[in-house]
Amino acid sequence: MKDYIGKSVVFGIRPEAIEAVESGGIEGDITVVEQMGNEEYIYFNIGTTQWICRMNVDGEKNLRRAGCCEFIFNTAKCHIFDKETEQNVSL
């Protein structure tokens, strides 16, 4: 990774590695909440970037219905890609 310091890279993370939380996360503006059986897909923006969070529906949390919410990213499950070659450089 040290070869990529100061270079342009792409950050990749799967929706299940992003979690909506009541506090302690990064604030995002929710645009769509899509219910798919026992899961919800929460589409939200941080700045101009759209993200998707996938969570199990537990019937108790209602914080995902508001216009904004806080999210945490499990960075242990993220990947970094070379912007030019699209090669995963975090493996």
PDB file of N, CA and C in Angstrom:
ATOM      1  N   MET A   1       0.811  -1.195   0.000  1.00  0.00           N
ATOM      2  CA  MET A   1       0.000   0.000   0.000  1.00  0.00           C
ATOM      3  C   MET A   1       0.858   1.265   0.000  1.00  0.00           C
ATOM      4  N   LYS A   2       2.067   1.189   0.511  1.00  0.00           N
ATOM      5  CA  LYS A   2       2.883   2.406   0.586  1.00  0.00           C
ATOM      6  C   LYS A   2       3.204   2.957  -0.795  1.00  0.00           C
ATOM      7  N   ASP A   3       3.161   2.102  -1.833  1.00  0.00           N
ATOM      8  CA  ASP A   3       3.392   2.570  -3.202  1.00  0.00           C
ATOM      9  C   ASP A   3       2.252   3.456  -3.705  1.00  0.00           C
ATOM     10  N   TYR A   4       1.128   3.458  -2.990  1.00  0.00           N
ATOM     11  CA  TYR A   4      -0.048   4.213  -3.435  1.00  0.00           C
ATOM     12  C   TYR A   4      -0.284   5.492  -2.636  1.00  0.00           C
ATOM     13  N   ILE A   5       0.608   5.830  -1.740  1.00  0.00           N
ATOM     14  CA  ILE A   5       0.474   7.077  -0.979  1.00  0.00           C
ATOM     15  C   ILE A   5       0.559   8.250  -1.949  1.00  0.00           C
ATOM     16  N   GLY A   6      -0.449   9.113  -1.905  1.00  0.00           N
ATOM     17  CA  GLY A   6      -0.499  10.276  -2.784  1.00  0.00           C
ATOM     18  C   GLY A   6      -1.062   9.996  -4.166  1.00  0.00           C
ATOM     19  N   LYS A   7      -1.413   8.741  -4.443  1.00  0.00           N
ATOM     20  CA  LYS A   7      -1.972   8.376  -5.751  1.00  0.00           C
ATOM     21  C   LYS A   7      -3.485   8.228  -5.649  1.00  0.00           C
ATOM     22  N   SER A   8      -4.137   8.311  -6.787  1.00  0.00           N
ATOM     23  CA  SER A   8      -5.586   8.169  -6.858  1.00  0.00           C
ATOM     24  C   SER A   8      -5.951   6.687  -6.823  1.00  0.00           C
ATOM     25  N   VAL A   9      -6.828   6.312  -5.898  1.00  0.00           N
ATOM     26  CA  VAL A   9      -7.288   4.932  -5.766  1.00  0.00           C
ATOM     27  C   VAL A   9      -8.811   4.932  -5.651  1.00  0.00           C
ATOM     28  N   VAL A  10      -9.393   3.745  -5.740  1.00  0.00           N
ATOM     29  CA  VAL A  10     -10.836   3.570  -5.580  1.00  0.00           C
ATOM     30  C   VAL A  10     -11.067   2.730  -4.333  1.00  0.00           C
ATOM     31  N   PHE A  11     -11.963   3.205  -3.459  1.00  0.00           N
ATOM     32  CA  PHE A  11     -12.332   2.510  -2.226  1.00  0.00           C
ATOM     33  C   PHE A  11     -13.568   1.673  -2.517  1.00  0.00           C
ATOM     34  N   GLY A  12     -13.514   0.382  -2.223  1.00  0.00           N
ATOM     35  CA  GLY A  12     -14.656  -0.500  -2.440  1.00  0.00           C
ATOM     36  C   GLY A  12     -15.051  -1.203  -1.158  1.00  0.00           C
ATOM     37  N   ILE A  13     -16.367  -1.284  -0.933  1.00  0.00           N
ATOM     38  CA  ILE A  13     -16.877  -1.973   0.252  1.00  0.00           C
ATOM     39  C   ILE A  13     -18.260  -2.525  -0.072  1.00  0.00           C
ATOM     40  N   ARG A  14     -18.549  -3.714   0.401  1.00  0.00           N
ATOM     41  CA  ARG A  14     -19.858  -4.331   0.145  1.00  0.00           C
ATOM     42  C   ARG A  14     -20.918  -3.740   1.075  1.00  0.00           C
ATOM     43  N   PRO A  15     -22.174  -3.707   0.618  1.00  0.00           N
ATOM     44  CA  PRO A  15     -23.249  -3.111   1.425  1.00  0.00           C
ATOM     45  C   PRO A  15     -23.404  -3.721   2.816  1.00  0.00           C
ATOM     46  N   GLU A  16     -23.108  -5.007   2.976  1.00  0.00           N
ATOM     47  CA  GLU A  16     -23.258  -5.640   4.289  1.00  0.00           C
ATOM     48  C   GLU A  16     -22.153  -5.235   5.260  1.00  0.00           C
ATOM     49  N   ALA A  17     -21.118  -4.551   4.787  1.00  0.00           N
ATOM     50  CA  ALA A  17     -20.030  -4.083   5.652  1.00  0.00           C
ATOM     51  C   ALA A  17     -20.235  -2.633   6.093  1.00  0.00           C
ATOM     52  N   ILE A  18     -21.422  -2.092   5.798  1.00  0.00           N
ATOM     53  CA  ILE A  18     -21.796  -0.746   6.230  1.00  0.00           C
ATOM     54  C   ILE A  18     -22.993  -0.898   7.160  1.00  0.00           C
ATOM     55  N   GLU A  19     -22.969  -0.204   8.280  1.00  0.00           N
ATOM     56  CA  GLU A  19     -24.044  -0.344   9.270  1.00  0.00           C
ATOM     57  C   GLU A  19     -24.579   1.021   9.687  1.00  0.00           C
ATOM     58  N   ALA A  20     -25.903   1.113   9.781  1.00  0.00           N
ATOM     59  CA  ALA A  20     -26.535   2.327  10.307  1.00  0.00           C
ATOM     60  C   ALA A  20     -26.461   2.275  11.829  1.00  0.00           C
ATOM     61  N   VAL A  21     -26.054   3.397  12.438  1.00  0.00           N
ATOM     62  CA  VAL A  21     -25.918   3.470  13.895  1.00  0.00           C
ATOM     63  C   VAL A  21     -26.582   4.746  14.404  1.00  0.00           C
ATOM     64  N   GLU A  22     -26.885   4.762  15.687  1.00  0.00           N
ATOM     65  CA  GLU A  22     -27.523   5.940  16.278  1.00  0.00           C
ATOM     66  C   GLU A  22     -26.546   7.083  16.468  1.00  0.00           C
ATOM     67  N   SER A  23     -25.288   6.763  16.750  1.00  0.00           N
ATOM     68  CA  SER A  23     -24.279   7.817  16.912  1.00  0.00           C
ATOM     69  C   SER A  23     -22.894   7.216  16.713  1.00  0.00           C
ATOM     70  N   GLY A  24     -21.923   8.088  16.490  1.00  0.00           N
ATOM     71  CA  GLY A  24     -20.544   7.643  16.357  1.00  0.00           C
ATOM     72  C   GLY A  24     -20.116   7.307  14.944  1.00  0.00           C
ATOM     73  N   GLY A  25     -20.977   7.600  13.969  1.00  0.00           N
ATOM     74  CA  GLY A  25     -20.632   7.297  12.590  1.00  0.00           C
ATOM     75  C   GLY A  25     -20.517   8.546  11.748  1.00  0.00           C
ATOM     76  N   ILE A  26     -20.499   8.347  10.447  1.00  0.00           N
ATOM     77  CA  ILE A  26     -20.451   9.440   9.477  1.00  0.00           C
ATOM     78  C   ILE A  26     -21.880   9.710   9.027  1.00  0.00           C
ATOM     79  N   GLU A  27     -22.281  10.977   9.026  1.00  0.00           N
ATOM     80  CA  GLU A  27     -23.656  11.313   8.661  1.00  0.00           C
ATOM     81  C   GLU A  27     -23.867  11.183   7.156  1.00  0.00           C
ATOM     82  N   GLY A  28     -24.960  10.519   6.802  1.00  0.00           N
ATOM     83  CA  GLY A  28     -25.343  10.366   5.400  1.00  0.00           C
ATOM     84  C   GLY A  28     -26.803  10.722   5.220  1.00  0.00           C
ATOM     85  N   ASP A  29     -27.148  11.206   4.041  1.00  0.00           N
ATOM     86  CA  ASP A  29     -28.532  11.552   3.712  1.00  0.00           C
ATOM     87  C   ASP A  29     -29.188  10.381   3.002  1.00  0.00           C
ATOM     88  N   ILE A  30     -30.212   9.797   3.631  1.00  0.00           N
ATOM     89  CA  ILE A  30     -30.910   8.649   3.069  1.00  0.00           C
ATOM     90  C   ILE A  30     -31.782   9.107   1.907  1.00  0.00           C
ATOM     91  N   THR A  31     -31.666   8.399   0.776  1.00  0.00           N
ATOM     92  CA  THR A  31     -32.491   8.717  -0.388  1.00  0.00           C
ATOM     93  C   THR A  31     -33.581   7.679  -0.613  1.00  0.00           C
ATOM     94  N   VAL A  32     -33.289   6.401  -0.334  1.00  0.00           N
ATOM     95  CA  VAL A  32     -34.264   5.327  -0.545  1.00  0.00           C
ATOM     96  C   VAL A  32     -34.025   4.237   0.493  1.00  0.00           C
ATOM     97  N   VAL A  33     -35.115   3.680   1.027  1.00  0.00           N
ATOM     98  CA  VAL A  33     -35.039   2.473   1.858  1.00  0.00           C
ATOM     99  C   VAL A  33     -35.873   1.419   1.147  1.00  0.00           C
ATOM    100  N   GLU A  34     -35.216   0.353   0.718  1.00  0.00           N
ATOM    101  CA  GLU A  34     -35.870  -0.693  -0.058  1.00  0.00           C
ATOM    102  C   GLU A  34     -35.964  -1.960   0.791  1.00  0.00           C
ATOM    103  N   GLN A  35     -37.176  -2.384   1.088  1.00  0.00           N
ATOM    104  CA  GLN A  35     -37.385  -3.594   1.890  1.00  0.00           C
ATOM    105  C   GLN A  35     -37.399  -4.801   0.962  1.00  0.00           C
ATOM    106  N   MET A  36     -36.548  -5.779   1.275  1.00  0.00           N
ATOM    107  CA  MET A  36     -36.421  -6.998   0.479  1.00  0.00           C
ATOM    108  C   MET A  36     -36.494  -8.191   1.425  1.00  0.00           C
ATOM    109  N   GLY A  37     -37.720  -8.597   1.756  1.00  0.00           N
ATOM    110  CA  GLY A  37     -37.896  -9.700   2.692  1.00  0.00           C
ATOM    111  C   GLY A  37     -37.406  -9.322   4.070  1.00  0.00           C
ATOM    112  N   ASN A  38     -36.438 -10.073   4.593  1.00  0.00           N
ATOM    113  CA  ASN A  38     -35.929  -9.798   5.941  1.00  0.00           C
ATOM    114  C   ASN A  38     -34.744  -8.828   5.931  1.00  0.00           C
ATOM    115  N   GLU A  39     -34.490  -8.192   4.791  1.00  0.00           N
ATOM    116  CA  GLU A  39     -33.384  -7.236   4.689  1.00  0.00           C
ATOM    117  C   GLU A  39     -33.885  -5.890   4.182  1.00  0.00           C
ATOM    118  N   GLU A  40     -33.119  -4.857   4.515  1.00  0.00           N
ATOM    119  CA  GLU A  40     -33.358  -3.530   3.968  1.00  0.00           C
ATOM    120  C   GLU A  40     -32.093  -3.069   3.268  1.00  0.00           C
ATOM    121  N   TYR A  41     -32.281  -2.479   2.105  1.00  0.00           N
ATOM    122  CA  TYR A  41     -31.192  -1.817   1.397  1.00  0.00           C
ATOM    123  C   TYR A  41     -31.406  -0.327   1.581  1.00  0.00           C
ATOM    124  N   ILE A  42     -30.445   0.327   2.189  1.00  0.00           N
ATOM    125  CA  ILE A  42     -30.548   1.749   2.493  1.00  0.00           C
ATOM    126  C   ILE A  42     -29.584   2.478   1.564  1.00  0.00           C
ATOM    127  N   TYR A  43     -30.137   3.271   0.672  1.00  0.00           N
ATOM    128  CA  TYR A  43     -29.335   4.064  -0.257  1.00  0.00           C
ATOM    129  C   TYR A  43     -29.141   5.433   0.373  1.00  0.00           C
ATOM    130  N   PHE A  44     -27.896   5.879   0.449  1.00  0.00           N
ATOM    131  CA  PHE A  44     -27.627   7.162   1.097  1.00  0.00           C
ATOM    132  C   PHE A  44     -26.438   7.845   0.439  1.00  0.00           C
ATOM    133  N   ASN A  45     -26.367   9.142   0.638  1.00  0.00           N
ATOM    134  CA  ASN A  45     -25.277   9.943   0.078  1.00  0.00           C
ATOM    135  C   ASN A  45     -24.432  10.528   1.189  1.00  0.00           C
ATOM    136  N   ILE A  46     -23.141  10.501   0.979  1.00  0.00           N
ATOM    137  CA  ILE A  46     -22.193  11.263   1.788  1.00  0.00           C
ATOM    138  C   ILE A  46     -21.497  12.171   0.784  1.00  0.00           C
ATOM    139  N   GLY A  47     -21.787  13.448   0.876  1.00  0.00           N
ATOM    140  CA  GLY A  47     -21.306  14.371  -0.152  1.00  0.00           C
ATOM    141  C   GLY A  47     -21.962  14.029  -1.471  1.00  0.00           C
ATOM    142  N   THR A  48     -21.159  13.833  -2.507  1.00  0.00           N
ATOM    143  CA  THR A  48     -21.699  13.503  -3.829  1.00  0.00           C
ATOM    144  C   THR A  48     -21.603  12.016  -4.148  1.00  0.00           C
ATOM    145  N   THR A  49     -21.182  11.218  -3.175  1.00  0.00           N
ATOM    146  CA  THR A  49     -21.017   9.781  -3.397  1.00  0.00           C
ATOM    147  C   THR A  49     -22.192   9.015  -2.813  1.00  0.00           C
ATOM    148  N   GLN A  50     -22.798   8.130  -3.638  1.00  0.00           N
ATOM    149  CA  GLN A  50     -23.897   7.295  -3.152  1.00  0.00           C
ATOM    150  C   GLN A  50     -23.337   5.975  -2.629  1.00  0.00           C
ATOM    151  N   TRP A  51     -23.878   5.528  -1.500  1.00  0.00           N
ATOM    152  CA  TRP A  51     -23.495   4.279  -0.857  1.00  0.00           C
ATOM    153  C   TRP A  51     -24.749   3.450  -0.648  1.00  0.00           C
ATOM    154  N   ILE A  52     -24.561   2.153  -0.418  1.00  0.00           N
ATOM    155  CA  ILE A  52     -25.678   1.260  -0.104  1.00  0.00           C
ATOM    156  C   ILE A  52     -25.311   0.468   1.138  1.00  0.00           C
ATOM    157  N   CYS A  53     -26.238   0.433   2.076  1.00  0.00           N
ATOM    158  CA  CYS A  53     -26.088  -0.328   3.316  1.00  0.00           C
ATOM    159  C   CYS A  53     -27.121  -1.449   3.285  1.00  0.00           C
ATOM    160  N   ARG A  54     -26.718  -2.675   3.595  1.00  0.00           N
ATOM    161  CA  ARG A  54     -27.660  -3.792   3.661  1.00  0.00           C
ATOM    162  C   ARG A  54     -27.746  -4.259   5.101  1.00  0.00           C
ATOM    163  N   MET A  55     -28.963  -4.230   5.649  1.00  0.00           N
ATOM    164  CA  MET A  55     -29.146  -4.621   7.051  1.00  0.00           C
ATOM    165  C   MET A  55     -30.320  -5.573   7.189  1.00  0.00           C
ATOM    166  N   ASN A  56     -30.234  -6.452   8.169  1.00  0.00           N
ATOM    167  CA  ASN A  56     -31.368  -7.296   8.509  1.00  0.00           C
ATOM    168  C   ASN A  56     -32.427  -6.455   9.197  1.00  0.00           C
ATOM    169  N   VAL A  57     -33.685  -6.730   8.895  1.00  0.00           N
ATOM    170  CA  VAL A  57     -34.793  -6.024   9.530  1.00  0.00           C
ATOM    171  C   VAL A  57     -35.028  -6.671  10.884  1.00  0.00           C
ATOM    172  N   ASP A  58     -34.976  -5.863  11.940  1.00  0.00           N
ATOM    173  CA  ASP A  58     -35.169  -6.420  13.278  1.00  0.00           C
ATOM    174  C   ASP A  58     -36.484  -5.981  13.910  1.00  0.00           C
ATOM    175  N   GLY A  59     -37.226  -5.097  13.257  1.00  0.00           N
ATOM    176  CA  GLY A  59     -38.519  -4.679  13.773  1.00  0.00           C
ATOM    177  C   GLY A  59     -38.466  -3.672  14.893  1.00  0.00           C
ATOM    178  N   GLU A  60     -37.284  -3.377  15.418  1.00  0.00           N
ATOM    179  CA  GLU A  60     -37.178  -2.445  16.539  1.00  0.00           C
ATOM    180  C   GLU A  60     -36.543  -1.125  16.142  1.00  0.00           C
ATOM    181  N   LYS A  61     -35.507  -1.159  15.347  1.00  0.00           N
ATOM    182  CA  LYS A  61     -34.822   0.076  14.969  1.00  0.00           C
ATOM    183  C   LYS A  61     -35.638   0.822  13.922  1.00  0.00           C
ATOM    184  N   ASN A  62     -35.815   2.096  14.151  1.00  0.00           N
ATOM    185  CA  ASN A  62     -36.536   2.917  13.195  1.00  0.00           C
ATOM    186  C   ASN A  62     -35.682   4.090  12.736  1.00  0.00           C
ATOM    187  N   LEU A  63     -34.420   4.090  13.081  1.00  0.00           N
ATOM    188  CA  LEU A  63     -33.556   5.219  12.762  1.00  0.00           C
ATOM    189  C   LEU A  63     -33.292   5.331  11.270  1.00  0.00           C
ATOM    190  N   ARG A  64     -33.496   4.274  10.503  1.00  0.00           N
ATOM    191  CA  ARG A  64     -33.207   4.290   9.073  1.00  0.00           C
ATOM    192  C   ARG A  64     -34.295   4.974   8.264  1.00  0.00           C
ATOM    193  N   ARG A  65     -35.394   5.346   8.891  1.00  0.00           N
ATOM    194  CA  ARG A  65     -36.503   5.970   8.170  1.00  0.00           C
ATOM    195  C   ARG A  65     -36.343   7.482   8.051  1.00  0.00           C
ATOM    196  N   ALA A  66     -35.469   8.059   8.839  1.00  0.00           N
ATOM    197  CA  ALA A  66     -35.284   9.510   8.831  1.00  0.00           C
ATOM    198  C   ALA A  66     -34.540   9.939   7.567  1.00  0.00           C
ATOM    199  N   GLY A  67     -34.508  11.252   7.317  1.00  0.00           N
ATOM    200  CA  GLY A  67     -33.822  11.790   6.149  1.00  0.00           C
ATOM    201  C   GLY A  67     -32.313  11.661   6.233  1.00  0.00           C
ATOM    202  N   CYS A  68     -31.786  11.599   7.453  1.00  0.00           N
ATOM    203  CA  CYS A  68     -30.343  11.393   7.583  1.00  0.00           C
ATOM    204  C   CYS A  68     -30.093  10.425   8.730  1.00  0.00           C
ATOM    205  N   CYS A  69     -28.932   9.837   8.700  1.00  0.00           N
ATOM    206  CA  CYS A  69     -28.575   8.810   9.675  1.00  0.00           C
ATOM    207  C   CYS A  69     -27.056   8.761   9.722  1.00  0.00           C
ATOM    208  N   GLU A  70     -26.521   8.091  10.709  1.00  0.00           N
ATOM    209  CA  GLU A  70     -25.075   7.905  10.783  1.00  0.00           C
ATOM    210  C   GLU A  70     -24.734   6.470  10.401  1.00  0.00           C
ATOM    211  N   PHE A  71     -23.598   6.317   9.746  1.00  0.00           N
ATOM    212  CA  PHE A  71     -23.168   5.018   9.247  1.00  0.00           C
ATOM    213  C   PHE A  71     -21.719   4.764   9.637  1.00  0.00           C
ATOM    214  N   ILE A  72     -21.414   3.494   9.898  1.00  0.00           N
ATOM    215  CA  ILE A  72     -20.026   3.098  10.112  1.00  0.00           C
ATOM    216  C   ILE A  72     -19.639   2.102   9.022  1.00  0.00           C
ATOM    217  N   PHE A  73     -18.386   2.166   8.623  1.00  0.00           N
ATOM    218  CA  PHE A  73     -17.847   1.315   7.574  1.00  0.00           C
ATOM    219  C   PHE A  73     -16.853   0.354   8.213  1.00  0.00           C
ATOM    220  N   ASN A  74     -17.059  -0.946   8.019  1.00  0.00           N
ATOM    221  CA  ASN A  74     -16.129  -1.945   8.536  1.00  0.00           C
ATOM    222  C   ASN A  74     -14.923  -1.979   7.596  1.00  0.00           C
ATOM    223  N   THR A  75     -13.921  -1.184   7.921  1.00  0.00           N
ATOM    224  CA  THR A  75     -12.770  -1.051   7.026  1.00  0.00           C
ATOM    225  C   THR A  75     -11.933  -2.329   6.926  1.00  0.00           C
ATOM    226  N   ALA A  76     -12.139  -3.268   7.840  1.00  0.00           N
ATOM    227  CA  ALA A  76     -11.449  -4.554   7.728  1.00  0.00           C
ATOM    228  C   ALA A  76     -11.965  -5.335   6.519  1.00  0.00           C
ATOM    229  N   LYS A  77     -13.140  -4.950   6.021  1.00  0.00           N
ATOM    230  CA  LYS A  77     -13.738  -5.640   4.879  1.00  0.00           C
ATOM    231  C   LYS A  77     -13.729  -4.791   3.606  1.00  0.00           C
ATOM    232  N   CYS A  78     -12.941  -3.733   3.592  1.00  0.00           N
ATOM    233  CA  CYS A  78     -12.888  -2.878   2.400  1.00  0.00           C
ATOM    234  C   CYS A  78     -11.763  -3.335   1.475  1.00  0.00           C
ATOM    235  N   HIS A  79     -11.798  -2.834   0.260  1.00  0.00           N
ATOM    236  CA  HIS A  79     -10.751  -3.114  -0.719  1.00  0.00           C
ATOM    237  C   HIS A  79     -10.329  -1.804  -1.363  1.00  0.00           C
ATOM    238  N   ILE A  80      -9.069  -1.718  -1.714  1.00  0.00           N
ATOM    239  CA  ILE A  80      -8.514  -0.552  -2.392  1.00  0.00           C
ATOM    240  C   ILE A  80      -8.068  -1.007  -3.780  1.00  0.00           C
ATOM    241  N   PHE A  81      -8.509  -0.270  -4.797  1.00  0.00           N
ATOM    242  CA  PHE A  81      -8.195  -0.618  -6.178  1.00  0.00           C
ATOM    243  C   PHE A  81      -7.365   0.480  -6.832  1.00  0.00           C
ATOM    244  N   ASP A  82      -6.412   0.056  -7.667  1.00  0.00           N
ATOM    245  CA  ASP A  82      -5.659   0.994  -8.490  1.00  0.00           C
ATOM    246  C   ASP A  82      -6.647   1.617  -9.471  1.00  0.00           C
ATOM    247  N   LYS A  83      -6.700   2.927  -9.527  1.00  0.00           N
ATOM    248  CA  LYS A  83      -7.693   3.611 -10.358  1.00  0.00           C
ATOM    249  C   LYS A  83      -7.481   3.340 -11.844  1.00  0.00           C
ATOM    250  N   GLU A  84      -6.243   3.179 -12.275  1.00  0.00           N
ATOM    251  CA  GLU A  84      -5.959   2.971 -13.697  1.00  0.00           C
ATOM    252  C   GLU A  84      -6.112   1.516 -14.122  1.00  0.00           C
ATOM    253  N   THR A  85      -5.544   0.589 -13.351  1.00  0.00           N
ATOM    254  CA  THR A  85      -5.556  -0.826 -13.744  1.00  0.00           C
ATOM    255  C   THR A  85      -6.752  -1.583 -13.183  1.00  0.00           C
ATOM    256  N   GLU A  86      -7.443  -1.005 -12.197  1.00  0.00           N
ATOM    257  CA  GLU A  86      -8.557  -1.631 -11.477  1.00  0.00           C
ATOM    258  C   GLU A  86      -8.124  -2.866 -10.693  1.00  0.00           C
ATOM    259  N   GLN A  87      -6.837  -3.043 -10.502  1.00  0.00           N
ATOM    260  CA  GLN A  87      -6.300  -4.168  -9.735  1.00  0.00           C
ATOM    261  C   GLN A  87      -6.515  -3.921  -8.248  1.00  0.00           C
ATOM    262  N   ASN A  88      -6.908  -4.973  -7.526  1.00  0.00           N
ATOM    263  CA  ASN A  88      -7.078  -4.886  -6.079  1.00  0.00           C
ATOM    264  C   ASN A  88      -5.692  -4.852  -5.449  1.00  0.00           C
ATOM    265  N   VAL A  89      -5.338  -3.720  -4.860  1.00  0.00           N
ATOM    266  CA  VAL A  89      -4.005  -3.568  -4.273  1.00  0.00           C
ATOM    267  C   VAL A  89      -4.014  -3.789  -2.762  1.00  0.00           C
ATOM    268  N   SER A  90      -5.171  -4.135  -2.214  1.00  0.00           N
ATOM    269  CA  SER A  90      -5.258  -4.342  -0.764  1.00  0.00           C
ATOM    270  C   SER A  90      -5.144  -5.809  -0.381  1.00  0.00           C
ATOM    271  N   LEU A  91      -5.002  -6.692  -1.349  1.00  0.00           N
ATOM    272  CA  LEU A  91      -4.872  -8.124  -1.037  1.00  0.00           C
ATOM    273  C   LEU A  91      -3.439  -8.479  -0.729  1.00  0.00           C
TER     274      LEU A  91
END
